[in-house]
Amino acid sequence: RFSSIGDRTQHIDELYKILSSYLLQRDSFDWLTVCEKLGIPAAPI
């Protein structure tokens, strides 16, 4: 479901729900730090 951008687009609702469930487990600052380390675009509001 998630191995390519095309697959992720088809299953985007499932993917976002998975992403949301993990985000709840840490504080905002921790996630921003992790994303900086991993090179994933992220920002505070």
PDB file of all heavy atoms in Angstrom:
ATOM      1  N   ARG A   1       0.818  -1.210   0.000  1.00  0.00           N
ATOM      2  CA  ARG A   1       0.000   0.000   0.000  1.00  0.00           C
ATOM      3  C   ARG A   1       0.854   1.263   0.000  1.00  0.00           C
ATOM      4  O   ARG A   1       0.404   2.332  -0.434  1.00  0.00           O
ATOM      5  CB  ARG A   1      -0.918   0.027   1.220  1.00  0.00           C
ATOM      6  CG  ARG A   1      -1.949  -1.086   1.284  1.00  0.00           C
ATOM      7  CD  ARG A   1      -2.671  -1.047   2.612  1.00  0.00           C
ATOM      8  NE  ARG A   1      -1.752  -1.254   3.730  1.00  0.00           N
ATOM      9  CZ  ARG A   1      -2.074  -1.074   5.012  1.00  0.00           C
ATOM     10  NH1 ARG A   1      -3.300  -0.649   5.340  1.00  0.00           N
ATOM     11  NH2 ARG A   1      -1.190  -1.294   5.966  1.00  0.00           N
ATOM     12  N   PHE A   2       2.107   1.136   0.497  1.00  0.00           N
ATOM     13  CA  PHE A   2       2.907   2.343   0.752  1.00  0.00           C
ATOM     14  C   PHE A   2       4.285   2.327   0.095  1.00  0.00           C
ATOM     15  O   PHE A   2       5.116   3.183   0.361  1.00  0.00           O
ATOM     16  CB  PHE A   2       3.106   2.526   2.268  1.00  0.00           C
ATOM     17  CG  PHE A   2       1.846   2.396   3.082  1.00  0.00           C
ATOM     18  CD1 PHE A   2       1.819   1.624   4.240  1.00  0.00           C
ATOM     19  CD2 PHE A   2       0.684   3.036   2.694  1.00  0.00           C
ATOM     20  CE1 PHE A   2       0.667   1.503   4.991  1.00  0.00           C
ATOM     21  CE2 PHE A   2      -0.485   2.928   3.441  1.00  0.00           C
ATOM     22  CZ  PHE A   2      -0.498   2.152   4.588  1.00  0.00           C
ATOM     23  N   SER A   3       4.541   1.382  -0.800  1.00  0.00           N
ATOM     24  CA  SER A   3       5.903   1.195  -1.305  1.00  0.00           C
ATOM     25  C   SER A   3       6.313   2.218  -2.365  1.00  0.00           C
ATOM     26  O   SER A   3       7.497   2.388  -2.633  1.00  0.00           O
ATOM     27  CB  SER A   3       6.063  -0.226  -1.857  1.00  0.00           C
ATOM     28  OG  SER A   3       5.108  -0.456  -2.881  1.00  0.00           O
ATOM     29  N   SER A   4       5.336   2.903  -2.978  1.00  0.00           N
ATOM     30  CA  SER A   4       5.674   3.926  -3.983  1.00  0.00           C
ATOM     31  C   SER A   4       4.721   5.097  -3.824  1.00  0.00           C
ATOM     32  O   SER A   4       3.681   4.997  -3.165  1.00  0.00           O
ATOM     33  CB  SER A   4       5.566   3.359  -5.400  1.00  0.00           C
ATOM     34  OG  SER A   4       4.197   3.168  -5.751  1.00  0.00           O
ATOM     35  N   ILE A   5       5.056   6.209  -4.482  1.00  0.00           N
ATOM     36  CA  ILE A   5       4.208   7.400  -4.362  1.00  0.00           C
ATOM     37  C   ILE A   5       2.814   7.150  -4.941  1.00  0.00           C
ATOM     38  O   ILE A   5       1.802   7.623  -4.416  1.00  0.00           O
ATOM     39  CB  ILE A   5       4.887   8.623  -5.015  1.00  0.00           C
ATOM     40  CG1 ILE A   5       4.091   9.895  -4.684  1.00  0.00           C
ATOM     41  CG2 ILE A   5       5.038   8.446  -6.517  1.00  0.00           C
ATOM     42  CD1 ILE A   5       4.824  11.170  -5.048  1.00  0.00           C
ATOM     43  N   GLY A   6       2.751   6.348  -5.997  1.00  0.00           N
ATOM     44  CA  GLY A   6       1.449   6.022  -6.566  1.00  0.00           C
ATOM     45  C   GLY A   6       0.602   5.201  -5.608  1.00  0.00           C
ATOM     46  O   GLY A   6      -0.601   5.453  -5.437  1.00  0.00           O
ATOM     47  N   ASP A   7       1.244   4.207  -4.968  1.00  0.00           N
ATOM     48  CA  ASP A   7       0.521   3.378  -4.001  1.00  0.00           C
ATOM     49  C   ASP A   7       0.077   4.214  -2.807  1.00  0.00           C
ATOM     50  O   ASP A   7      -1.055   4.072  -2.311  1.00  0.00           O
ATOM     51  CB  ASP A   7       1.422   2.227  -3.527  1.00  0.00           C
ATOM     52  CG  ASP A   7       1.801   1.280  -4.660  1.00  0.00           C
ATOM     53  OD1 ASP A   7       0.936   1.004  -5.507  1.00  0.00           O
ATOM     54  OD2 ASP A   7       2.969   0.847  -4.699  1.00  0.00           O
ATOM     55  N   ARG A   8       0.967   5.088  -2.330  1.00  0.00           N
ATOM     56  CA  ARG A   8       0.615   5.916  -1.169  1.00  0.00           C
ATOM     57  C   ARG A   8      -0.553   6.840  -1.485  1.00  0.00           C
ATOM     58  O   ARG A   8      -1.410   7.093  -0.643  1.00  0.00           O
ATOM     59  CB  ARG A   8       1.840   6.711  -0.702  1.00  0.00           C
ATOM     60  CG  ARG A   8       2.924   5.850  -0.058  1.00  0.00           C
ATOM     61  CD  ARG A   8       3.974   6.704   0.637  1.00  0.00           C
ATOM     62  NE  ARG A   8       4.737   7.524  -0.283  1.00  0.00           N
ATOM     63  CZ  ARG A   8       5.833   7.121  -0.921  1.00  0.00           C
ATOM     64  NH1 ARG A   8       6.290   5.887  -0.746  1.00  0.00           N
ATOM     65  NH2 ARG A   8       6.487   7.929  -1.721  1.00  0.00           N
ATOM     66  N   THR A   9      -0.572   7.375  -2.704  1.00  0.00           N
ATOM     67  CA  THR A   9      -1.681   8.254  -3.086  1.00  0.00           C
ATOM     68  C   THR A   9      -3.009   7.505  -3.080  1.00  0.00           C
ATOM     69  O   THR A   9      -4.027   8.022  -2.627  1.00  0.00           O
ATOM     70  CB  THR A   9      -1.418   8.862  -4.478  1.00  0.00           C
ATOM     71  OG1 THR A   9      -0.199   9.617  -4.437  1.00  0.00           O
ATOM     72  CG2 THR A   9      -2.551   9.779  -4.899  1.00  0.00           C
ATOM     73  N   GLN A  10      -2.997   6.266  -3.555  1.00  0.00           N
ATOM     74  CA  GLN A  10      -4.225   5.467  -3.567  1.00  0.00           C
ATOM     75  C   GLN A  10      -4.724   5.148  -2.154  1.00  0.00           C
ATOM     76  O   GLN A  10      -5.923   5.010  -1.934  1.00  0.00           O
ATOM     77  CB  GLN A  10      -3.992   4.159  -4.323  1.00  0.00           C
ATOM     78  CG  GLN A  10      -4.018   4.300  -5.831  1.00  0.00           C
ATOM     79  CD  GLN A  10      -3.933   2.945  -6.496  1.00  0.00           C
ATOM     80  OE1 GLN A  10      -2.864   2.334  -6.584  1.00  0.00           O
ATOM     81  NE2 GLN A  10      -5.069   2.451  -6.957  1.00  0.00           N
ATOM     82  N   HIS A  11      -3.789   5.030  -1.222  1.00  0.00           N
ATOM     83  CA  HIS A  11      -4.139   4.615   0.146  1.00  0.00           C
ATOM     84  C   HIS A  11      -3.837   5.735   1.145  1.00  0.00           C
ATOM     85  O   HIS A  11      -3.441   5.474   2.281  1.00  0.00           O
ATOM     86  CB  HIS A  11      -3.371   3.343   0.517  1.00  0.00           C
ATOM     87  CG  HIS A  11      -3.672   2.176  -0.378  1.00  0.00           C
ATOM     88  ND1 HIS A  11      -4.776   1.382  -0.230  1.00  0.00           N
ATOM     89  CD2 HIS A  11      -3.007   1.706  -1.472  1.00  0.00           C
ATOM     90  CE1 HIS A  11      -4.792   0.451  -1.175  1.00  0.00           C
ATOM     91  NE2 HIS A  11      -3.725   0.620  -1.939  1.00  0.00           N
ATOM     92  N   ILE A  12      -4.031   6.955   0.710  1.00  0.00           N
ATOM     93  CA  ILE A  12      -3.579   8.094   1.505  1.00  0.00           C
ATOM     94  C   ILE A  12      -4.305   8.203   2.842  1.00  0.00           C
ATOM     95  O   ILE A  12      -3.703   8.571   3.861  1.00  0.00           O
ATOM     96  CB  ILE A  12      -3.695   9.408   0.688  1.00  0.00           C
ATOM     97  CG1 ILE A  12      -2.899  10.535   1.359  1.00  0.00           C
ATOM     98  CG2 ILE A  12      -5.151   9.795   0.468  1.00  0.00           C
ATOM     99  CD1 ILE A  12      -1.424  10.318   1.401  1.00  0.00           C
ATOM    100  N   ASP A  13      -5.594   7.894   2.888  1.00  0.00           N
ATOM    101  CA  ASP A  13      -6.324   8.001   4.150  1.00  0.00           C
ATOM    102  C   ASP A  13      -5.745   7.036   5.188  1.00  0.00           C
ATOM    103  O   ASP A  13      -5.556   7.410   6.357  1.00  0.00           O
ATOM    104  CB  ASP A  13      -7.817   7.732   3.949  1.00  0.00           C
ATOM    105  CG  ASP A  13      -8.520   8.865   3.209  1.00  0.00           C
ATOM    106  OD1 ASP A  13      -7.999   9.996   3.226  1.00  0.00           O
ATOM    107  OD2 ASP A  13      -9.579   8.614   2.615  1.00  0.00           O
ATOM    108  N   GLU A  14      -5.458   5.809   4.765  1.00  0.00           N
ATOM    109  CA  GLU A  14      -4.864   4.836   5.696  1.00  0.00           C
ATOM    110  C   GLU A  14      -3.488   5.307   6.160  1.00  0.00           C
ATOM    111  O   GLU A  14      -3.144   5.189   7.345  1.00  0.00           O
ATOM    112  CB  GLU A  14      -4.737   3.479   5.004  1.00  0.00           C
ATOM    113  CG  GLU A  14      -6.047   2.876   4.538  1.00  0.00           C
ATOM    114  CD  GLU A  14      -5.821   1.841   3.447  1.00  0.00           C
ATOM    115  OE1 GLU A  14      -5.374   0.730   3.791  1.00  0.00           O
ATOM    116  OE2 GLU A  14      -6.076   2.159   2.262  1.00  0.00           O
ATOM    117  N   LEU A  15      -2.722   5.857   5.231  1.00  0.00           N
ATOM    118  CA  LEU A  15      -1.368   6.298   5.566  1.00  0.00           C
ATOM    119  C   LEU A  15      -1.394   7.452   6.559  1.00  0.00           C
ATOM    120  O   LEU A  15      -0.635   7.465   7.540  1.00  0.00           O
ATOM    121  CB  LEU A  15      -0.638   6.713   4.287  1.00  0.00           C
ATOM    122  CG  LEU A  15       0.833   7.109   4.431  1.00  0.00           C
ATOM    123  CD1 LEU A  15       1.651   5.961   5.008  1.00  0.00           C
ATOM    124  CD2 LEU A  15       1.406   7.543   3.088  1.00  0.00           C
ATOM    125  N   TYR A  16      -2.272   8.419   6.327  1.00  0.00           N
ATOM    126  CA  TYR A  16      -2.361   9.552   7.253  1.00  0.00           C
ATOM    127  C   TYR A  16      -2.823   9.110   8.642  1.00  0.00           C
ATOM    128  O   TYR A  16      -2.379   9.651   9.662  1.00  0.00           O
ATOM    129  CB  TYR A  16      -3.304  10.624   6.698  1.00  0.00           C
ATOM    130  CG  TYR A  16      -2.645  11.604   5.743  1.00  0.00           C
ATOM    131  CD1 TYR A  16      -3.324  12.088   4.625  1.00  0.00           C
ATOM    132  CD2 TYR A  16      -1.349  12.068   5.965  1.00  0.00           C
ATOM    133  CE1 TYR A  16      -2.735  12.990   3.754  1.00  0.00           C
ATOM    134  CE2 TYR A  16      -0.760  12.968   5.100  1.00  0.00           C
ATOM    135  CZ  TYR A  16      -1.443  13.430   3.999  1.00  0.00           C
ATOM    136  OH  TYR A  16      -0.851  14.328   3.147  1.00  0.00           O
ATOM    137  N   LYS A  17      -3.706   8.140   8.706  1.00  0.00           N
ATOM    138  CA  LYS A  17      -4.156   7.642  10.016  1.00  0.00           C
ATOM    139  C   LYS A  17      -3.004   6.985  10.775  1.00  0.00           C
ATOM    140  O   LYS A  17      -2.854   7.169  11.993  1.00  0.00           O
ATOM    141  CB  LYS A  17      -5.317   6.665   9.835  1.00  0.00           C
ATOM    142  CG  LYS A  17      -6.652   7.355   9.554  1.00  0.00           C
ATOM    143  CD  LYS A  17      -7.780   6.344   9.391  1.00  0.00           C
ATOM    144  CE  LYS A  17      -9.139   7.047   9.314  1.00  0.00           C
ATOM    145  NZ  LYS A  17      -9.250   7.988   8.209  1.00  0.00           N
ATOM    146  N   ILE A  18      -2.173   6.230  10.036  1.00  0.00           N
ATOM    147  CA  ILE A  18      -0.995   5.618  10.675  1.00  0.00           C
ATOM    148  C   ILE A  18      -0.044   6.707  11.166  1.00  0.00           C
ATOM    149  O   ILE A  18       0.452   6.679  12.296  1.00  0.00           O
ATOM    150  CB  ILE A  18      -0.297   4.666   9.683  1.00  0.00           C
ATOM    151  CG1 ILE A  18      -1.162   3.433   9.436  1.00  0.00           C
ATOM    152  CG2 ILE A  18       1.084   4.273  10.199  1.00  0.00           C
ATOM    153  CD1 ILE A  18      -0.684   2.560   8.293  1.00  0.00           C
ATOM    154  N   LEU A  19       0.208   7.692  10.306  1.00  0.00           N
ATOM    155  CA  LEU A  19       1.093   8.794  10.682  1.00  0.00           C
ATOM    156  C   LEU A  19       0.564   9.505  11.925  1.00  0.00           C
ATOM    157  O   LEU A  19       1.320   9.772  12.879  1.00  0.00           O
ATOM    158  CB  LEU A  19       1.194   9.773   9.508  1.00  0.00           C
ATOM    159  CG  LEU A  19       2.085  11.005   9.683  1.00  0.00           C
ATOM    160  CD1 LEU A  19       3.534  10.613   9.900  1.00  0.00           C
ATOM    161  CD2 LEU A  19       1.965  11.935   8.467  1.00  0.00           C
ATOM    162  N   SER A  20      -0.734   9.776  11.941  1.00  0.00           N
ATOM    163  CA  SER A  20      -1.334  10.477  13.083  1.00  0.00           C
ATOM    164  C   SER A  20      -1.177   9.688  14.376  1.00  0.00           C
ATOM    165  O   SER A  20      -0.917  10.265  15.445  1.00  0.00           O
ATOM    166  CB  SER A  20      -2.823  10.730  12.818  1.00  0.00           C
ATOM    167  OG  SER A  20      -2.997  11.569  11.707  1.00  0.00           O
ATOM    168  N   SER A  21      -1.323   8.373  14.296  1.00  0.00           N
ATOM    169  CA  SER A  21      -1.231   7.559  15.520  1.00  0.00           C
ATOM    170  C   SER A  21       0.161   7.627  16.129  1.00  0.00           C
ATOM    171  O   SER A  21       0.315   7.646  17.359  1.00  0.00           O
ATOM    172  CB  SER A  21      -1.605   6.111  15.216  1.00  0.00           C
ATOM    173  OG  SER A  21      -0.628   5.480  14.400  1.00  0.00           O
ATOM    174  N   TYR A  22       1.196   7.677  15.304  1.00  0.00           N
ATOM    175  CA  TYR A  22       2.563   7.769  15.845  1.00  0.00           C
ATOM    176  C   TYR A  22       2.879   9.164  16.380  1.00  0.00           C
ATOM    177  O   TYR A  22       3.592   9.310  17.374  1.00  0.00           O
ATOM    178  CB  TYR A  22       3.578   7.370  14.771  1.00  0.00           C
ATOM    179  CG  TYR A  22       3.640   5.872  14.554  1.00  0.00           C
ATOM    180  CD1 TYR A  22       3.202   5.299  13.371  1.00  0.00           C
ATOM    181  CD2 TYR A  22       4.139   5.020  15.549  1.00  0.00           C
ATOM    182  CE1 TYR A  22       3.244   3.932  13.165  1.00  0.00           C
ATOM    183  CE2 TYR A  22       4.181   3.647  15.354  1.00  0.00           C
ATOM    184  CZ  TYR A  22       3.731   3.111  14.162  1.00  0.00           C
ATOM    185  OH  TYR A  22       3.773   1.750  13.978  1.00  0.00           O
ATOM    186  N   LEU A  23       2.339  10.192  15.709  1.00  0.00           N
ATOM    187  CA  LEU A  23       2.624  11.559  16.161  1.00  0.00           C
ATOM    188  C   LEU A  23       2.131  11.797  17.585  1.00  0.00           C
ATOM    189  O   LEU A  23       2.720  12.581  18.344  1.00  0.00           O
ATOM    190  CB  LEU A  23       1.981  12.568  15.202  1.00  0.00           C
ATOM    191  CG  LEU A  23       2.836  13.116  14.044  1.00  0.00           C
ATOM    192  CD1 LEU A  23       3.860  14.116  14.532  1.00  0.00           C
ATOM    193  CD2 LEU A  23       3.526  12.007  13.258  1.00  0.00           C
ATOM    194  N   LEU A  24       1.065  11.152  17.969  1.00  0.00           N
ATOM    195  CA  LEU A  24       0.503  11.337  19.312  1.00  0.00           C
ATOM    196  C   LEU A  24       1.425  10.832  20.420  1.00  0.00           C
ATOM    197  O   LEU A  24       1.220  11.158  21.596  1.00  0.00           O
ATOM    198  CB  LEU A  24      -0.842  10.608  19.421  1.00  0.00           C
ATOM    199  CG  LEU A  24      -2.033  11.297  18.741  1.00  0.00           C
ATOM    200  CD1 LEU A  24      -3.216  10.339  18.666  1.00  0.00           C
ATOM    201  CD2 LEU A  24      -2.419  12.557  19.505  1.00  0.00           C
ATOM    202  N   GLN A  25       2.440  10.074  20.067  1.00  0.00           N
ATOM    203  CA  GLN A  25       3.273   9.420  21.081  1.00  0.00           C
ATOM    204  C   GLN A  25       4.438  10.285  21.572  1.00  0.00           C
ATOM    205  O   GLN A  25       5.132   9.918  22.523  1.00  0.00           O
ATOM    206  CB  GLN A  25       3.811   8.093  20.525  1.00  0.00           C
ATOM    207  CG  GLN A  25       2.707   7.102  20.176  1.00  0.00           C
ATOM    208  CD  GLN A  25       3.246   5.848  19.492  1.00  0.00           C
ATOM    209  OE1 GLN A  25       4.445   5.583  19.531  1.00  0.00           O
ATOM    210  NE2 GLN A  25       2.350   5.091  18.860  1.00  0.00           N
ATOM    211  N   ARG A  26       4.692  11.416  20.916  1.00  0.00           N
ATOM    212  CA  ARG A  26       5.819  12.267  21.319  1.00  0.00           C
ATOM    213  C   ARG A  26       5.395  13.726  21.302  1.00  0.00           C
ATOM    214  O   ARG A  26       4.378  14.104  20.705  1.00  0.00           O
ATOM    215  CB  ARG A  26       7.023  12.079  20.384  1.00  0.00           C
ATOM    216  CG  ARG A  26       7.522  10.650  20.243  1.00  0.00           C
ATOM    217  CD  ARG A  26       8.796  10.621  19.421  1.00  0.00           C
ATOM    218  NE  ARG A  26       9.122   9.274  18.969  1.00  0.00           N
ATOM    219  CZ  ARG A  26      10.181   8.973  18.218  1.00  0.00           C
ATOM    220  NH1 ARG A  26      11.010   9.945  17.834  1.00  0.00           N
ATOM    221  NH2 ARG A  26      10.406   7.726  17.836  1.00  0.00           N
ATOM    222  N   ASP A  27       6.226  14.567  21.943  1.00  0.00           N
ATOM    223  CA  ASP A  27       5.977  16.009  21.960  1.00  0.00           C
ATOM    224  C   ASP A  27       6.361  16.642  20.619  1.00  0.00           C
ATOM    225  O   ASP A  27       7.159  16.081  19.850  1.00  0.00           O
ATOM    226  CB  ASP A  27       6.774  16.683  23.072  1.00  0.00           C
ATOM    227  CG  ASP A  27       6.300  16.277  24.457  1.00  0.00           C
ATOM    228  OD1 ASP A  27       5.191  15.709  24.550  1.00  0.00           O
ATOM    229  OD2 ASP A  27       7.039  16.527  25.428  1.00  0.00           O
ATOM    230  N   SER A  28       5.828  17.826  20.375  1.00  0.00           N
ATOM    231  CA  SER A  28       6.089  18.539  19.112  1.00  0.00           C
ATOM    232  C   SER A  28       7.579  18.787  18.899  1.00  0.00           C
ATOM    233  O   SER A  28       8.118  18.555  17.801  1.00  0.00           O
ATOM    234  CB  SER A  28       5.335  19.875  19.104  1.00  0.00           C
ATOM    235  OG  SER A  28       3.959  19.678  19.189  1.00  0.00           O
ATOM    236  N   PHE A  29       8.264  19.251  19.933  1.00  0.00           N
ATOM    237  CA  PHE A  29       9.695  19.539  19.798  1.00  0.00           C
ATOM    238  C   PHE A  29      10.464  18.283  19.411  1.00  0.00           C
ATOM    239  O   PHE A  29      11.385  18.334  18.579  1.00  0.00           O
ATOM    240  CB  PHE A  29      10.246  20.128  21.093  1.00  0.00           C
ATOM    241  CG  PHE A  29      11.717  20.445  21.031  1.00  0.00           C
ATOM    242  CD1 PHE A  29      12.158  21.601  20.417  1.00  0.00           C
ATOM    243  CD2 PHE A  29      12.666  19.565  21.554  1.00  0.00           C
ATOM    244  CE1 PHE A  29      13.527  21.890  20.332  1.00  0.00           C
ATOM    245  CE2 PHE A  29      14.022  19.845  21.486  1.00  0.00           C
ATOM    246  CZ  PHE A  29      14.450  21.014  20.865  1.00  0.00           C
ATOM    247  N   ASP A  30      10.102  17.139  19.997  1.00  0.00           N
ATOM    248  CA  ASP A  30      10.785  15.887  19.670  1.00  0.00           C
ATOM    249  C   ASP A  30      10.609  15.551  18.197  1.00  0.00           C
ATOM    250  O   ASP A  30      11.567  15.149  17.522  1.00  0.00           O
ATOM    251  CB  ASP A  30      10.231  14.743  20.529  1.00  0.00           C
ATOM    252  CG  ASP A  30      10.534  14.919  22.006  1.00  0.00           C
ATOM    253  OD1 ASP A  30      11.503  15.635  22.326  1.00  0.00           O
ATOM    254  OD2 ASP A  30       9.797  14.356  22.835  1.00  0.00           O
ATOM    255  N   TRP A  31       9.385  15.718  17.697  1.00  0.00           N
ATOM    256  CA  TRP A  31       9.152  15.388  16.300  1.00  0.00           C
ATOM    257  C   TRP A  31       9.898  16.334  15.367  1.00  0.00           C
ATOM    258  O   TRP A  31      10.448  15.901  14.338  1.00  0.00           O
ATOM    259  CB  TRP A  31       7.659  15.426  15.994  1.00  0.00           C
ATOM    260  CG  TRP A  31       6.940  14.180  16.420  1.00  0.00           C
ATOM    261  CD1 TRP A  31       5.933  14.076  17.321  1.00  0.00           C
ATOM    262  CD2 TRP A  31       7.216  12.849  15.960  1.00  0.00           C
ATOM    263  NE1 TRP A  31       5.552  12.766  17.453  1.00  0.00           N
ATOM    264  CE2 TRP A  31       6.322  11.990  16.630  1.00  0.00           C
ATOM    265  CE3 TRP A  31       8.129  12.303  15.056  1.00  0.00           C
ATOM    266  CZ2 TRP A  31       6.312  10.610  16.416  1.00  0.00           C
ATOM    267  CZ3 TRP A  31       8.114  10.930  14.849  1.00  0.00           C
ATOM    268  CH2 TRP A  31       7.218  10.098  15.523  1.00  0.00           C
ATOM    269  N   LEU A  32       9.936  17.622  15.688  1.00  0.00           N
ATOM    270  CA  LEU A  32      10.669  18.562  14.843  1.00  0.00           C
ATOM    271  C   LEU A  32      12.160  18.218  14.820  1.00  0.00           C
ATOM    272  O   LEU A  32      12.823  18.322  13.777  1.00  0.00           O
ATOM    273  CB  LEU A  32      10.444  19.990  15.329  1.00  0.00           C
ATOM    274  CG  LEU A  32       9.006  20.523  15.158  1.00  0.00           C
ATOM    275  CD1 LEU A  32       8.841  21.855  15.865  1.00  0.00           C
ATOM    276  CD2 LEU A  32       8.641  20.647  13.683  1.00  0.00           C
ATOM    277  N   THR A  33      12.682  17.787  15.967  1.00  0.00           N
ATOM    278  CA  THR A  33      14.088  17.390  16.045  1.00  0.00           C
ATOM    279  C   THR A  33      14.342  16.141  15.208  1.00  0.00           C
ATOM    280  O   THR A  33      15.337  16.047  14.469  1.00  0.00           O
ATOM    281  CB  THR A  33      14.480  17.134  17.512  1.00  0.00           C
ATOM    282  OG1 THR A  33      14.222  18.308  18.278  1.00  0.00           O
ATOM    283  CG2 THR A  33      15.947  16.760  17.631  1.00  0.00           C
ATOM    284  N   VAL A  34      13.442  15.163  15.304  1.00  0.00           N
ATOM    285  CA  VAL A  34      13.574  13.925  14.537  1.00  0.00           C
ATOM    286  C   VAL A  34      13.522  14.217  13.037  1.00  0.00           C
ATOM    287  O   VAL A  34      14.332  13.693  12.255  1.00  0.00           O
ATOM    288  CB  VAL A  34      12.457  12.929  14.930  1.00  0.00           C
ATOM    289  CG1 VAL A  34      12.323  11.813  13.891  1.00  0.00           C
ATOM    290  CG2 VAL A  34      12.722  12.341  16.304  1.00  0.00           C
ATOM    291  N   CYS A  35      12.577  15.035  12.634  1.00  0.00           N
ATOM    292  CA  CYS A  35      12.449  15.351  11.207  1.00  0.00           C
ATOM    293  C   CYS A  35      13.675  16.077  10.674  1.00  0.00           C
ATOM    294  O   CYS A  35      14.107  15.842   9.536  1.00  0.00           O
ATOM    295  CB  CYS A  35      11.186  16.176  10.969  1.00  0.00           C
ATOM    296  SG  CYS A  35       9.670  15.218  11.129  1.00  0.00           S
ATOM    297  N   GLU A  36      14.238  16.943  11.486  1.00  0.00           N
ATOM    298  CA  GLU A  36      15.481  17.620  11.088  1.00  0.00           C
ATOM    299  C   GLU A  36      16.583  16.589  10.859  1.00  0.00           C
ATOM    300  O   GLU A  36      17.324  16.653   9.873  1.00  0.00           O
ATOM    301  CB  GLU A  36      15.888  18.614  12.184  1.00  0.00           C
ATOM    302  CG  GLU A  36      17.146  19.406  11.885  1.00  0.00           C
ATOM    303  CD  GLU A  36      16.912  20.545  10.919  1.00  0.00           C
ATOM    304  OE1 GLU A  36      15.756  20.968  10.734  1.00  0.00           O
ATOM    305  OE2 GLU A  36      17.904  21.013  10.327  1.00  0.00           O
ATOM    306  N   LYS A  37      16.674  15.625  11.756  1.00  0.00           N
ATOM    307  CA  LYS A  37      17.697  14.583  11.648  1.00  0.00           C
ATOM    308  C   LYS A  37      17.477  13.705  10.418  1.00  0.00           C
ATOM    309  O   LYS A  37      18.433  13.348   9.717  1.00  0.00           O
ATOM    310  CB  LYS A  37      17.672  13.714  12.916  1.00  0.00           C
ATOM    311  CG  LYS A  37      18.649  12.550  12.926  1.00  0.00           C
ATOM    312  CD  LYS A  37      18.460  11.679  14.158  1.00  0.00           C
ATOM    313  CE  LYS A  37      17.191  10.846  14.045  1.00  0.00           C
ATOM    314  NZ  LYS A  37      17.018   9.881  15.165  1.00  0.00           N
ATOM    315  N   LEU A  38      16.223  13.374  10.122  1.00  0.00           N
ATOM    316  CA  LEU A  38      15.909  12.465   9.026  1.00  0.00           C
ATOM    317  C   LEU A  38      15.759  13.163   7.674  1.00  0.00           C
ATOM    318  O   LEU A  38      15.612  12.505   6.646  1.00  0.00           O
ATOM    319  CB  LEU A  38      14.615  11.700   9.331  1.00  0.00           C
ATOM    320  CG  LEU A  38      14.612  10.833  10.598  1.00  0.00           C
ATOM    321  CD1 LEU A  38      13.253  10.173  10.786  1.00  0.00           C
ATOM    322  CD2 LEU A  38      15.712   9.772  10.520  1.00  0.00           C
ATOM    323  N   GLY A  39      15.750  14.481   7.678  1.00  0.00           N
ATOM    324  CA  GLY A  39      15.574  15.215   6.428  1.00  0.00           C
ATOM    325  C   GLY A  39      14.136  15.234   5.933  1.00  0.00           C
ATOM    326  O   GLY A  39      13.887  15.429   4.742  1.00  0.00           O
ATOM    327  N   ILE A  40      13.186  15.065   6.858  1.00  0.00           N
ATOM    328  CA  ILE A  40      11.770  15.088   6.509  1.00  0.00           C
ATOM    329  C   ILE A  40      11.243  16.517   6.713  1.00  0.00           C
ATOM    330  O   ILE A  40      11.405  17.086   7.793  1.00  0.00           O
ATOM    331  CB  ILE A  40      10.969  14.107   7.385  1.00  0.00           C
ATOM    332  CG1 ILE A  40      11.396  12.668   7.092  1.00  0.00           C
ATOM    333  CG2 ILE A  40       9.472  14.272   7.157  1.00  0.00           C
ATOM    334  CD1 ILE A  40      10.785  11.640   8.028  1.00  0.00           C
ATOM    335  N   PRO A  41      10.616  17.130   5.705  1.00  0.00           N
ATOM    336  CA  PRO A  41      10.083  18.488   5.883  1.00  0.00           C
ATOM    337  C   PRO A  41       9.059  18.526   7.022  1.00  0.00           C
ATOM    338  O   PRO A  41       8.144  17.700   7.082  1.00  0.00           O
ATOM    339  CB  PRO A  41       9.414  18.784   4.544  1.00  0.00           C
ATOM    340  CG  PRO A  41      10.091  17.876   3.561  1.00  0.00           C
ATOM    341  CD  PRO A  41      10.418  16.632   4.322  1.00  0.00           C
ATOM    342  N   ALA A  42       9.239  19.461   7.920  1.00  0.00           N
ATOM    343  CA  ALA A  42       8.325  19.618   9.057  1.00  0.00           C
ATOM    344  C   ALA A  42       8.434  21.045   9.567  1.00  0.00           C
ATOM    345  O   ALA A  42       9.461  21.711   9.385  1.00  0.00           O
ATOM    346  CB  ALA A  42       8.662  18.635  10.167  1.00  0.00           C
ATOM    347  N   ALA A  43       7.369  21.507  10.221  1.00  0.00           N
ATOM    348  CA  ALA A  43       7.366  22.875  10.740  1.00  0.00           C
ATOM    349  C   ALA A  43       6.325  23.000  11.835  1.00  0.00           C
ATOM    350  O   ALA A  43       5.317  22.286  11.835  1.00  0.00           O
ATOM    351  CB  ALA A  43       7.042  23.868   9.624  1.00  0.00           C
ATOM    352  N   PRO A  44       6.559  23.919  12.764  1.00  0.00           N
ATOM    353  CA  PRO A  44       5.498  24.267  13.709  1.00  0.00           C
ATOM    354  C   PRO A  44       4.456  25.135  13.008  1.00  0.00           C
ATOM    355  O   PRO A  44       4.687  25.638  11.906  1.00  0.00           O
ATOM    356  CB  PRO A  44       6.240  25.076  14.778  1.00  0.00           C
ATOM    357  CG  PRO A  44       7.384  25.700  14.034  1.00  0.00           C
ATOM    358  CD  PRO A  44       7.781  24.710  12.980  1.00  0.00           C
ATOM    359  N   ILE A  45       3.318  25.292  13.635  1.00  0.00           N
ATOM    360  CA  ILE A  45       2.285  26.181  13.094  1.00  0.00           C
ATOM    361  C   ILE A  45       2.596  27.607  13.518  1.00  0.00           C
ATOM    362  O   ILE A  45       2.820  27.874  14.699  1.00  0.00           O
ATOM    363  CB  ILE A  45       0.890  25.772  13.603  1.00  0.00           C
ATOM    364  CG1 ILE A  45       0.519  24.384  13.088  1.00  0.00           C
ATOM    365  CG2 ILE A  45      -0.155  26.790  13.177  1.00  0.00           C
ATOM    366  CD1 ILE A  45      -0.768  23.843  13.669  1.00  0.00           C
TER     367      ILE A  45
END
